[in-house]
Amino acid sequence: MPQKHKTAALPRQGQSKAKPAAAQPKWFLTVLVIASIAVVIVGILLLKDQRQSAVALSGAQASGSSAVSSAPSGASAANQLNQALAQGKPALVFIHSTSCQSCKDMMKVVDQVYPEFAGQVTLVDVDVYNEANGPLMQKLGLRYIPTVVVFNREGQSWQNVGLMKPDAFRTFLRQRALGG
């Protein structure tokens, strides 16, 4: 009986098992867009309630200038924060502008809620448009406004970015600044 020779099947010219060139870039772009969105969402969640270690703010010059400010006239925001931390007193640093709508809305929340904590927590008001506040904002790692940074008696800090409802802000202050 004659032996059969095994031969490999060769693809015909013009036929290829590779994907069309147009399909690969669309797939890559889709994955890239999904990954980018995921990174943004994770970043927002991490910044929303970020616990930070104590910050040394000596030498930073800043001044508060808003309706919610509790700083004595002439006292810089950084000095006010340093004084509160040196005394072991909790502090609320409210960083905002006077022109963004979320900041204006958060100012109303601070005006409504802060009086309940006025005797226990020092309010440090920081307007981003005041150039003197630059070093303080940099040391606190400001990225977006409005931002509140709360320091407890031990100097540990937590940051919340964005508008908060009064009850959420009240709870945030009570838990972070006062530990309860």
C-alpha atoms as a PDB file:
ATOM      1  CA  MET A   1       0.000   0.000   0.000  1.00  0.00           C
ATOM      2  CA  PRO A   2       1.432   3.374  -0.924  1.00  0.00           C
ATOM      3  CA  GLN A   3       2.262   5.724   1.974  1.00  0.00           C
ATOM      4  CA  LYS A   4       0.508   9.033   2.151  1.00  0.00           C
ATOM      5  CA  HIS A   5       2.625  12.058   2.817  1.00  0.00           C
ATOM      6  CA  LYS A   6       1.292  14.458   5.411  1.00  0.00           C
ATOM      7  CA  THR A   7       1.446  18.025   4.315  1.00  0.00           C
ATOM      8  CA  ALA A   8       0.586  21.079   6.335  1.00  0.00           C
ATOM      9  CA  ALA A   9      -2.271  23.106   5.057  1.00  0.00           C
ATOM     10  CA  LEU A  10      -1.010  26.487   4.018  1.00  0.00           C
ATOM     11  CA  PRO A  11      -3.287  29.483   4.170  1.00  0.00           C
ATOM     12  CA  ARG A  12      -4.309  30.735   0.842  1.00  0.00           C
ATOM     13  CA  GLN A  13      -2.886  33.979  -0.308  1.00  0.00           C
ATOM     14  CA  GLY A  14      -5.002  36.914   0.775  1.00  0.00           C
ATOM     15  CA  GLN A  15      -6.517  35.027   3.719  1.00  0.00           C
ATOM     16  CA  SER A  16      -5.190  35.638   7.190  1.00  0.00           C
ATOM     17  CA  LYS A  17      -6.291  34.651  10.661  1.00  0.00           C
ATOM     18  CA  ALA A  18      -5.232  38.072  12.035  1.00  0.00           C
ATOM     19  CA  LYS A  19      -7.938  40.512  13.066  1.00  0.00           C
ATOM     20  CA  PRO A  20      -8.664  43.396  10.782  1.00  0.00           C
ATOM     21  CA  ALA A  21      -6.437  46.370  11.505  1.00  0.00           C
ATOM     22  CA  ALA A  22      -9.417  48.596  12.387  1.00  0.00           C
ATOM     23  CA  ALA A  23     -10.684  46.265  15.179  1.00  0.00           C
ATOM     24  CA  GLN A  24      -7.501  46.402  17.273  1.00  0.00           C
ATOM     25  CA  PRO A  25      -7.357  50.203  17.750  1.00  0.00           C
ATOM     26  CA  LYS A  26     -11.072  50.340  18.657  1.00  0.00           C
ATOM     27  CA  TRP A  27     -10.594  47.645  21.270  1.00  0.00           C
ATOM     28  CA  PHE A  28      -7.508  49.367  22.692  1.00  0.00           C
ATOM     29  CA  LEU A  29      -9.284  52.747  22.797  1.00  0.00           C
ATOM     30  CA  THR A  30     -12.263  51.211  24.612  1.00  0.00           C
ATOM     31  CA  VAL A  31     -10.018  49.627  27.241  1.00  0.00           C
ATOM     32  CA  LEU A  32      -8.092  52.881  27.622  1.00  0.00           C
ATOM     33  CA  VAL A  33     -11.278  54.921  28.156  1.00  0.00           C
ATOM     34  CA  ILE A  34     -12.653  52.430  30.709  1.00  0.00           C
ATOM     35  CA  ALA A  35      -9.339  52.364  32.590  1.00  0.00           C
ATOM     36  CA  SER A  36      -9.187  56.175  32.625  1.00  0.00           C
ATOM     37  CA  ILE A  37     -12.687  56.446  34.033  1.00  0.00           C
ATOM     38  CA  ALA A  38     -11.860  53.872  36.704  1.00  0.00           C
ATOM     39  CA  VAL A  39      -8.736  55.819  37.719  1.00  0.00           C
ATOM     40  CA  VAL A  40     -10.725  59.068  38.010  1.00  0.00           C
ATOM     41  CA  ILE A  41     -13.417  57.404  40.133  1.00  0.00           C
ATOM     42  CA  VAL A  42     -10.861  55.810  42.444  1.00  0.00           C
ATOM     43  CA  GLY A  43      -9.046  59.151  42.756  1.00  0.00           C
ATOM     44  CA  ILE A  44     -12.243  60.958  43.716  1.00  0.00           C
ATOM     45  CA  LEU A  45     -13.120  58.314  46.289  1.00  0.00           C
ATOM     46  CA  LEU A  46      -9.655  58.489  47.820  1.00  0.00           C
ATOM     47  CA  LEU A  47      -9.734  62.275  48.023  1.00  0.00           C
ATOM     48  CA  LYS A  48     -13.265  62.359  49.370  1.00  0.00           C
ATOM     49  CA  ASP A  49     -12.289  61.215  52.840  1.00  0.00           C
ATOM     50  CA  GLN A  50      -8.521  61.178  53.016  1.00  0.00           C
ATOM     51  CA  ARG A  51      -6.799  60.685  56.359  1.00  0.00           C
ATOM     52  CA  GLN A  52      -3.511  62.504  56.554  1.00  0.00           C
ATOM     53  CA  SER A  53      -0.772  62.693  59.126  1.00  0.00           C
ATOM     54  CA  ALA A  54      -0.178  65.921  61.015  1.00  0.00           C
ATOM     55  CA  VAL A  55       1.201  68.781  58.949  1.00  0.00           C
ATOM     56  CA  ALA A  56       3.878  71.187  60.145  1.00  0.00           C
ATOM     57  CA  LEU A  57       2.765  74.585  58.982  1.00  0.00           C
ATOM     58  CA  SER A  58       5.296  76.914  60.550  1.00  0.00           C
ATOM     59  CA  GLY A  59       6.311  79.761  58.323  1.00  0.00           C
ATOM     60  CA  ALA A  60       3.275  79.551  56.008  1.00  0.00           C
ATOM     61  CA  GLN A  61       1.541  82.876  55.636  1.00  0.00           C
ATOM     62  CA  ALA A  62      -2.181  83.099  54.944  1.00  0.00           C
ATOM     63  CA  SER A  63      -5.200  85.131  55.890  1.00  0.00           C
ATOM     64  CA  GLY A  64      -8.857  84.263  56.176  1.00  0.00           C
ATOM     65  CA  SER A  65     -11.381  86.509  54.475  1.00  0.00           C
ATOM     66  CA  SER A  66     -14.921  85.191  54.408  1.00  0.00           C
ATOM     67  CA  ALA A  67     -18.183  85.616  56.217  1.00  0.00           C
ATOM     68  CA  VAL A  68     -17.473  82.371  58.091  1.00  0.00           C
ATOM     69  CA  SER A  69     -14.017  83.412  59.302  1.00  0.00           C
ATOM     70  CA  SER A  70     -13.342  83.186  63.015  1.00  0.00           C
ATOM     71  CA  ALA A  71      -9.807  84.527  62.762  1.00  0.00           C
ATOM     72  CA  PRO A  72      -9.010  87.741  64.560  1.00  0.00           C
ATOM     73  CA  SER A  73      -8.293  90.508  62.072  1.00  0.00           C
ATOM     74  CA  GLY A  74      -4.650  90.417  61.046  1.00  0.00           C
ATOM     75  CA  ALA A  75      -4.084  86.806  62.127  1.00  0.00           C
ATOM     76  CA  SER A  76      -2.936  84.550  59.318  1.00  0.00           C
ATOM     77  CA  ALA A  77      -4.764  81.299  58.656  1.00  0.00           C
ATOM     78  CA  ALA A  78      -1.539  79.294  59.037  1.00  0.00           C
ATOM     79  CA  ASN A  79      -0.745  80.995  62.357  1.00  0.00           C
ATOM     80  CA  GLN A  80      -4.279  80.394  63.573  1.00  0.00           C
ATOM     81  CA  LEU A  81      -4.025  76.698  62.669  1.00  0.00           C
ATOM     82  CA  ASN A  82      -0.564  76.362  64.249  1.00  0.00           C
ATOM     83  CA  GLN A  83      -1.825  77.996  67.446  1.00  0.00           C
ATOM     84  CA  ALA A  84      -4.815  75.641  67.689  1.00  0.00           C
ATOM     85  CA  LEU A  85      -2.633  72.575  67.065  1.00  0.00           C
ATOM     86  CA  ALA A  86      -0.025  73.766  69.598  1.00  0.00           C
ATOM     87  CA  GLN A  87      -2.796  74.081  72.201  1.00  0.00           C
ATOM     88  CA  GLY A  88      -4.100  70.601  71.369  1.00  0.00           C
ATOM     89  CA  LYS A  89      -7.368  72.037  70.099  1.00  0.00           C
ATOM     90  CA  PRO A  90      -9.218  70.520  67.111  1.00  0.00           C
ATOM     91  CA  ALA A  91      -9.329  72.694  63.986  1.00  0.00           C
ATOM     92  CA  LEU A  92     -11.481  72.942  60.890  1.00  0.00           C
ATOM     93  CA  VAL A  93      -9.717  74.402  57.843  1.00  0.00           C
ATOM     94  CA  PHE A  94     -12.305  75.483  55.269  1.00  0.00           C
ATOM     95  CA  ILE A  95     -10.699  76.100  51.848  1.00  0.00           C
ATOM     96  CA  HIS A  96     -12.871  77.729  49.186  1.00  0.00           C
ATOM     97  CA  SER A  97     -13.295  80.530  46.694  1.00  0.00           C
ATOM     98  CA  THR A  98     -15.930  83.211  46.790  1.00  0.00           C
ATOM     99  CA  SER A  99     -17.021  82.582  43.218  1.00  0.00           C
ATOM    100  CA  CYS A 100     -17.687  78.854  42.694  1.00  0.00           C
ATOM    101  CA  GLN A 101     -21.262  77.751  43.369  1.00  0.00           C
ATOM    102  CA  SER A 102     -20.281  74.643  45.355  1.00  0.00           C
ATOM    103  CA  CYS A 103     -18.102  76.839  47.564  1.00  0.00           C
ATOM    104  CA  LYS A 104     -20.949  79.292  48.149  1.00  0.00           C
ATOM    105  CA  ASP A 105     -23.263  76.404  49.030  1.00  0.00           C
ATOM    106  CA  MET A 106     -20.660  74.951  51.407  1.00  0.00           C
ATOM    107  CA  MET A 107     -20.249  78.378  53.043  1.00  0.00           C
ATOM    108  CA  LYS A 108     -23.951  78.220  53.937  1.00  0.00           C
ATOM    109  CA  VAL A 109     -23.476  74.757  55.419  1.00  0.00           C
ATOM    110  CA  VAL A 110     -20.473  75.906  57.472  1.00  0.00           C
ATOM    111  CA  ASP A 111     -22.412  78.989  58.646  1.00  0.00           C
ATOM    112  CA  GLN A 112     -25.296  76.731  59.683  1.00  0.00           C
ATOM    113  CA  VAL A 113     -23.341  73.929  61.408  1.00  0.00           C
ATOM    114  CA  TYR A 114     -20.132  75.463  62.779  1.00  0.00           C
ATOM    115  CA  PRO A 115     -21.791  77.474  65.597  1.00  0.00           C
ATOM    116  CA  GLU A 116     -22.563  74.128  67.303  1.00  0.00           C
ATOM    117  CA  PHE A 117     -18.794  73.452  67.461  1.00  0.00           C
ATOM    118  CA  ALA A 118     -17.498  77.020  67.939  1.00  0.00           C
ATOM    119  CA  GLY A 119     -16.343  76.504  71.534  1.00  0.00           C
ATOM    120  CA  GLN A 120     -14.618  73.209  70.776  1.00  0.00           C
ATOM    121  CA  VAL A 121     -13.138  73.530  67.251  1.00  0.00           C
ATOM    122  CA  THR A 122     -11.124  76.401  65.783  1.00  0.00           C
ATOM    123  CA  LEU A 123     -12.372  77.521  62.356  1.00  0.00           C
ATOM    124  CA  VAL A 124      -9.631  78.508  59.918  1.00  0.00           C
ATOM    125  CA  ASP A 125     -11.068  80.143  56.798  1.00  0.00           C
ATOM    126  CA  VAL A 126      -8.912  80.019  53.662  1.00  0.00           C
ATOM    127  CA  ASP A 127      -9.863  81.866  50.453  1.00  0.00           C
ATOM    128  CA  VAL A 128      -7.976  80.402  47.465  1.00  0.00           C
ATOM    129  CA  TYR A 129      -7.828  83.802  45.759  1.00  0.00           C
ATOM    130  CA  ASN A 130      -5.700  85.268  48.557  1.00  0.00           C
ATOM    131  CA  GLU A 131      -2.106  84.689  47.387  1.00  0.00           C
ATOM    132  CA  ALA A 132      -0.887  84.625  50.977  1.00  0.00           C
ATOM    133  CA  ASN A 133      -2.776  81.332  51.439  1.00  0.00           C
ATOM    134  CA  GLY A 134      -0.683  79.548  48.789  1.00  0.00           C
ATOM    135  CA  PRO A 135       1.881  77.951  51.127  1.00  0.00           C
ATOM    136  CA  LEU A 136      -0.825  76.698  53.489  1.00  0.00           C
ATOM    137  CA  MET A 137      -2.881  75.239  50.638  1.00  0.00           C
ATOM    138  CA  GLN A 138       0.241  73.575  49.231  1.00  0.00           C
ATOM    139  CA  LYS A 139       1.159  72.034  52.588  1.00  0.00           C
ATOM    140  CA  LEU A 140      -2.384  70.701  52.964  1.00  0.00           C
ATOM    141  CA  GLY A 141      -2.264  69.212  49.454  1.00  0.00           C
ATOM    142  CA  LEU A 142      -5.204  71.178  48.067  1.00  0.00           C
ATOM    143  CA  ARG A 143      -6.441  69.831  44.735  1.00  0.00           C
ATOM    144  CA  TYR A 144     -10.117  70.843  44.490  1.00  0.00           C
ATOM    145  CA  ILE A 145     -12.527  73.213  46.186  1.00  0.00           C
ATOM    146  CA  PRO A 146     -14.418  73.357  48.396  1.00  0.00           C
ATOM    147  CA  THR A 147     -12.263  71.305  50.741  1.00  0.00           C
ATOM    148  CA  VAL A 148     -12.438  70.918  54.484  1.00  0.00           C
ATOM    149  CA  VAL A 149      -9.509  69.577  56.488  1.00  0.00           C
ATOM    150  CA  VAL A 150     -10.231  68.577  60.070  1.00  0.00           C
ATOM    151  CA  PHE A 151      -7.489  68.152  62.657  1.00  0.00           C
ATOM    152  CA  ASN A 152      -8.134  66.323  65.922  1.00  0.00           C
ATOM    153  CA  ARG A 153      -6.435  67.061  69.254  1.00  0.00           C
ATOM    154  CA  GLU A 154      -3.490  64.827  68.341  1.00  0.00           C
ATOM    155  CA  GLY A 155      -2.848  66.687  65.078  1.00  0.00           C
ATOM    156  CA  GLN A 156      -4.125  63.918  62.772  1.00  0.00           C
ATOM    157  CA  SER A 157      -6.067  65.252  59.822  1.00  0.00           C
ATOM    158  CA  TRP A 158      -8.796  64.140  57.458  1.00  0.00           C
ATOM    159  CA  GLN A 159      -9.836  65.834  54.258  1.00  0.00           C
ATOM    160  CA  ASN A 160     -13.212  66.009  52.529  1.00  0.00           C
ATOM    161  CA  VAL A 161     -13.529  67.413  49.027  1.00  0.00           C
ATOM    162  CA  GLY A 162     -16.795  68.827  47.734  1.00  0.00           C
ATOM    163  CA  LEU A 163     -20.118  70.006  49.019  1.00  0.00           C
ATOM    164  CA  MET A 164     -21.524  68.273  52.083  1.00  0.00           C
ATOM    165  CA  LYS A 165     -25.066  68.288  53.427  1.00  0.00           C
ATOM    166  CA  PRO A 166     -25.425  69.784  56.922  1.00  0.00           C
ATOM    167  CA  ASP A 167     -25.996  66.437  58.673  1.00  0.00           C
ATOM    168  CA  ALA A 168     -23.029  64.811  56.919  1.00  0.00           C
ATOM    169  CA  PHE A 169     -20.816  67.805  57.760  1.00  0.00           C
ATOM    170  CA  ARG A 170     -21.975  67.725  61.402  1.00  0.00           C
ATOM    171  CA  THR A 171     -21.154  64.002  61.624  1.00  0.00           C
ATOM    172  CA  PHE A 172     -17.789  64.494  59.877  1.00  0.00           C
ATOM    173  CA  LEU A 173     -16.809  67.189  62.410  1.00  0.00           C
ATOM    174  CA  ARG A 174     -18.043  65.235  65.420  1.00  0.00           C
ATOM    175  CA  GLN A 175     -16.279  61.998  64.415  1.00  0.00           C
ATOM    176  CA  ARG A 176     -13.024  63.439  63.119  1.00  0.00           C
ATOM    177  CA  ALA A 177     -12.407  66.549  65.224  1.00  0.00           C
ATOM    178  CA  LEU A 178     -13.925  65.403  68.498  1.00  0.00           C
ATOM    179  CA  GLY A 179     -13.543  61.652  68.155  1.00  0.00           C
ATOM    180  CA  GLY A 180     -17.165  60.814  68.749  1.00  0.00           C
END
